[in-house]
Amino acid sequence: MEVLVTRKGQVTVPIALRRKYGIEEGMKLIVEDSSSGIILKVIPRLEDLVGIDAGKISVEEAFKILDKMRSEDRY
C-alpha cells in the first residue's frame, strides 16, 4: 500500500490495516528502524493483555494494586 507523507511527517495508516490490527484514534505505535525499512508495531492495550484472568479484576483495580506494589518497593 502506498501512503503520502505530509509536510509535518505524518502518514495515514490505510483503513484496511487499521481494522486488521485494531488501530484506533489515540493509540500509540512503535516505530522501528530496520535494515529493510521502517516498521510500525501496535502497542497492545492493557485491556487486551488480561488473558486467563479476564473478568476477575477491573483495569482500575489492577492499576491500584500495581501502584501500591510500586510504592512499597520504593521504601
N, C-alpha and C. Protein backbone atom coordinates (compact mmCIF):
# COMPACT_ATOMS: atom_id res chain seq x y z
N MET A 1 0.85 -1.18 0.00
CA MET A 1 0.00 0.00 0.00
C MET A 1 0.89 1.24 0.00
N GLU A 2 0.41 2.24 -0.63
CA GLU A 2 1.16 3.49 -0.73
C GLU A 2 0.46 4.55 0.11
N VAL A 3 1.24 5.32 0.87
CA VAL A 3 0.69 6.42 1.66
C VAL A 3 1.48 7.69 1.37
N LEU A 4 0.89 8.82 1.67
CA LEU A 4 1.50 10.12 1.44
C LEU A 4 2.04 10.67 2.75
N VAL A 5 3.25 11.21 2.75
CA VAL A 5 3.83 11.84 3.93
C VAL A 5 3.50 13.33 3.86
N THR A 6 2.92 13.87 4.93
CA THR A 6 2.57 15.29 4.96
C THR A 6 3.80 16.14 5.27
N ARG A 7 3.62 17.43 5.19
CA ARG A 7 4.69 18.37 5.49
C ARG A 7 5.23 18.17 6.92
N LYS A 8 4.36 17.75 7.82
CA LYS A 8 4.75 17.52 9.22
C LYS A 8 5.32 16.13 9.45
N GLY A 9 5.44 15.32 8.39
CA GLY A 9 5.98 13.97 8.53
C GLY A 9 4.96 12.94 8.94
N GLN A 10 3.68 13.29 8.84
CA GLN A 10 2.62 12.37 9.24
C GLN A 10 2.18 11.51 8.06
N VAL A 11 1.76 10.29 8.38
CA VAL A 11 1.18 9.40 7.37
C VAL A 11 -0.14 8.87 7.91
N THR A 12 -1.02 8.47 7.01
CA THR A 12 -2.28 7.86 7.40
C THR A 12 -2.18 6.36 7.15
N VAL A 13 -2.44 5.59 8.20
CA VAL A 13 -2.45 4.13 8.05
C VAL A 13 -3.76 3.77 7.34
N PRO A 14 -3.69 3.04 6.24
CA PRO A 14 -4.90 2.70 5.49
C PRO A 14 -5.93 1.97 6.36
N ILE A 15 -7.20 2.24 6.09
CA ILE A 15 -8.30 1.70 6.89
C ILE A 15 -8.26 0.17 7.00
N ALA A 16 -7.89 -0.51 5.93
CA ALA A 16 -7.85 -1.98 5.97
C ALA A 16 -6.85 -2.46 7.02
N LEU A 17 -5.73 -1.79 7.13
CA LEU A 17 -4.72 -2.18 8.13
C LEU A 17 -5.14 -1.76 9.53
N ARG A 18 -5.79 -0.59 9.65
CA ARG A 18 -6.27 -0.17 10.97
C ARG A 18 -7.29 -1.18 11.50
N ARG A 19 -8.16 -1.64 10.65
CA ARG A 19 -9.16 -2.64 11.07
C ARG A 19 -8.49 -3.97 11.41
N LYS A 20 -7.58 -4.40 10.55
CA LYS A 20 -6.90 -5.69 10.75
C LYS A 20 -6.15 -5.73 12.08
N TYR A 21 -5.48 -4.62 12.43
CA TYR A 21 -4.65 -4.60 13.63
C TYR A 21 -5.30 -3.88 14.80
N GLY A 22 -6.55 -3.48 14.65
CA GLY A 22 -7.28 -2.85 15.75
C GLY A 22 -6.74 -1.49 16.13
N ILE A 23 -6.19 -0.77 15.18
CA ILE A 23 -5.62 0.55 15.47
C ILE A 23 -6.76 1.56 15.51
N GLU A 24 -6.85 2.27 16.64
CA GLU A 24 -7.90 3.26 16.83
C GLU A 24 -7.28 4.61 17.18
N GLU A 25 -8.06 5.66 17.05
CA GLU A 25 -7.59 7.00 17.37
C GLU A 25 -7.04 7.05 18.79
N GLY A 26 -5.90 7.67 18.95
CA GLY A 26 -5.28 7.83 20.26
C GLY A 26 -4.32 6.72 20.63
N MET A 27 -4.32 5.61 19.90
CA MET A 27 -3.39 4.51 20.19
C MET A 27 -1.98 4.92 19.79
N LYS A 28 -1.02 4.31 20.43
CA LYS A 28 0.38 4.57 20.11
C LYS A 28 0.96 3.39 19.34
N LEU A 29 1.90 3.70 18.48
CA LEU A 29 2.61 2.68 17.71
C LEU A 29 4.10 2.81 17.99
N ILE A 30 4.81 1.71 17.90
CA ILE A 30 6.26 1.72 18.00
C ILE A 30 6.81 1.85 16.58
N VAL A 31 7.77 2.74 16.39
CA VAL A 31 8.41 2.91 15.10
C VAL A 31 9.83 2.38 15.23
N GLU A 32 10.16 1.37 14.42
CA GLU A 32 11.49 0.76 14.46
C GLU A 32 12.20 0.95 13.13
N ASP A 33 13.49 1.18 13.22
CA ASP A 33 14.33 1.26 12.04
C ASP A 33 14.97 -0.10 11.84
N SER A 34 14.79 -0.69 10.67
CA SER A 34 15.39 -1.99 10.40
C SER A 34 16.16 -1.92 9.09
N SER A 35 16.89 -2.96 8.81
CA SER A 35 17.68 -2.99 7.58
C SER A 35 16.79 -2.99 6.33
N SER A 36 15.54 -3.45 6.49
CA SER A 36 14.63 -3.49 5.36
C SER A 36 13.73 -2.25 5.26
N GLY A 37 13.80 -1.36 6.25
CA GLY A 37 13.00 -0.14 6.23
C GLY A 37 12.38 0.17 7.57
N ILE A 38 11.35 0.98 7.56
CA ILE A 38 10.67 1.39 8.79
C ILE A 38 9.56 0.39 9.11
N ILE A 39 9.48 0.00 10.39
CA ILE A 39 8.46 -0.95 10.84
C ILE A 39 7.58 -0.25 11.87
N LEU A 40 6.26 -0.35 11.71
CA LEU A 40 5.30 0.15 12.69
C LEU A 40 4.71 -1.04 13.43
N LYS A 41 4.72 -0.97 14.76
CA LYS A 41 4.15 -2.05 15.57
C LYS A 41 3.13 -1.47 16.53
N VAL A 42 2.00 -2.16 16.65
CA VAL A 42 0.95 -1.74 17.57
C VAL A 42 1.40 -2.04 19.00
N ILE A 43 1.20 -1.08 19.88
CA ILE A 43 1.44 -1.31 21.31
C ILE A 43 0.12 -1.83 21.88
N PRO A 44 0.10 -3.07 22.36
CA PRO A 44 -1.17 -3.61 22.86
C PRO A 44 -1.66 -2.85 24.09
N ARG A 45 -2.98 -2.70 24.18
CA ARG A 45 -3.58 -2.05 25.35
C ARG A 45 -3.58 -3.03 26.51
N LEU A 46 -3.53 -2.52 27.71
CA LEU A 46 -3.55 -3.35 28.90
C LEU A 46 -4.78 -4.26 28.91
N GLU A 47 -5.91 -3.72 28.48
CA GLU A 47 -7.15 -4.49 28.46
C GLU A 47 -7.04 -5.72 27.56
N ASP A 48 -6.20 -5.65 26.54
CA ASP A 48 -6.05 -6.78 25.62
C ASP A 48 -5.10 -7.85 26.16
N LEU A 49 -4.43 -7.57 27.25
CA LEU A 49 -3.43 -8.49 27.78
C LEU A 49 -3.88 -9.22 29.04
N VAL A 50 -5.15 -9.10 29.41
CA VAL A 50 -5.61 -9.69 30.67
C VAL A 50 -5.62 -11.21 30.66
N GLY A 51 -5.71 -11.83 29.49
CA GLY A 51 -5.58 -13.28 29.38
C GLY A 51 -6.56 -14.07 30.21
N ILE A 52 -6.03 -15.08 30.92
CA ILE A 52 -6.89 -16.00 31.65
C ILE A 52 -7.59 -15.35 32.85
N ASP A 53 -7.11 -14.19 33.27
CA ASP A 53 -7.72 -13.52 34.41
C ASP A 53 -8.80 -12.53 33.99
N ALA A 54 -9.20 -12.57 32.73
CA ALA A 54 -10.23 -11.65 32.24
C ALA A 54 -11.49 -11.77 33.07
N GLY A 55 -12.02 -10.65 33.50
CA GLY A 55 -13.25 -10.64 34.27
C GLY A 55 -13.05 -10.79 35.77
N LYS A 56 -11.86 -11.18 36.21
CA LYS A 56 -11.62 -11.39 37.64
C LYS A 56 -11.28 -10.09 38.35
N ILE A 57 -10.75 -9.12 37.62
CA ILE A 57 -10.34 -7.85 38.21
C ILE A 57 -10.47 -6.77 37.14
N SER A 58 -10.87 -5.58 37.57
CA SER A 58 -11.00 -4.48 36.61
C SER A 58 -9.64 -3.85 36.36
N VAL A 59 -9.55 -3.13 35.28
CA VAL A 59 -8.29 -2.44 34.95
C VAL A 59 -7.94 -1.45 36.05
N GLU A 60 -8.95 -0.75 36.57
CA GLU A 60 -8.70 0.22 37.64
C GLU A 60 -8.12 -0.45 38.88
N GLU A 61 -8.70 -1.61 39.24
CA GLU A 61 -8.19 -2.35 40.40
C GLU A 61 -6.74 -2.81 40.16
N ALA A 62 -6.45 -3.26 38.95
CA ALA A 62 -5.10 -3.71 38.62
C ALA A 62 -4.11 -2.56 38.77
N PHE A 63 -4.49 -1.37 38.30
CA PHE A 63 -3.61 -0.21 38.43
C PHE A 63 -3.39 0.16 39.90
N LYS A 64 -4.45 0.06 40.72
CA LYS A 64 -4.31 0.36 42.15
C LYS A 64 -3.32 -0.60 42.81
N ILE A 65 -3.44 -1.88 42.48
CA ILE A 65 -2.52 -2.89 43.04
C ILE A 65 -1.09 -2.62 42.59
N LEU A 66 -0.92 -2.31 41.30
CA LEU A 66 0.43 -2.01 40.80
C LEU A 66 1.02 -0.78 41.46
N ASP A 67 0.21 0.27 41.62
CA ASP A 67 0.68 1.48 42.28
C ASP A 67 1.10 1.20 43.73
N LYS A 68 0.30 0.37 44.42
CA LYS A 68 0.63 0.02 45.81
C LYS A 68 1.94 -0.76 45.86
N MET A 69 2.12 -1.71 44.94
CA MET A 69 3.34 -2.50 44.93
C MET A 69 4.56 -1.62 44.60
N ARG A 70 4.38 -0.68 43.70
CA ARG A 70 5.48 0.23 43.36
C ARG A 70 5.87 1.10 44.54
N SER A 71 4.84 1.62 45.28
CA SER A 71 5.15 2.47 46.41
C SER A 71 5.82 1.69 47.54
N GLU A 72 5.43 0.44 47.75
CA GLU A 72 6.05 -0.40 48.78
C GLU A 72 7.49 -0.74 48.40
N ASP A 73 7.73 -0.89 47.12
CA ASP A 73 9.07 -1.25 46.63
C ASP A 73 10.07 -0.11 46.80
N ARG A 74 9.58 1.12 46.88
CA ARG A 74 10.46 2.29 46.99
C ARG A 74 11.05 2.46 48.38
N TYR A 75 10.47 1.82 49.36
CA TYR A 75 10.94 2.01 50.75
C TYR A 75 11.78 0.86 51.23
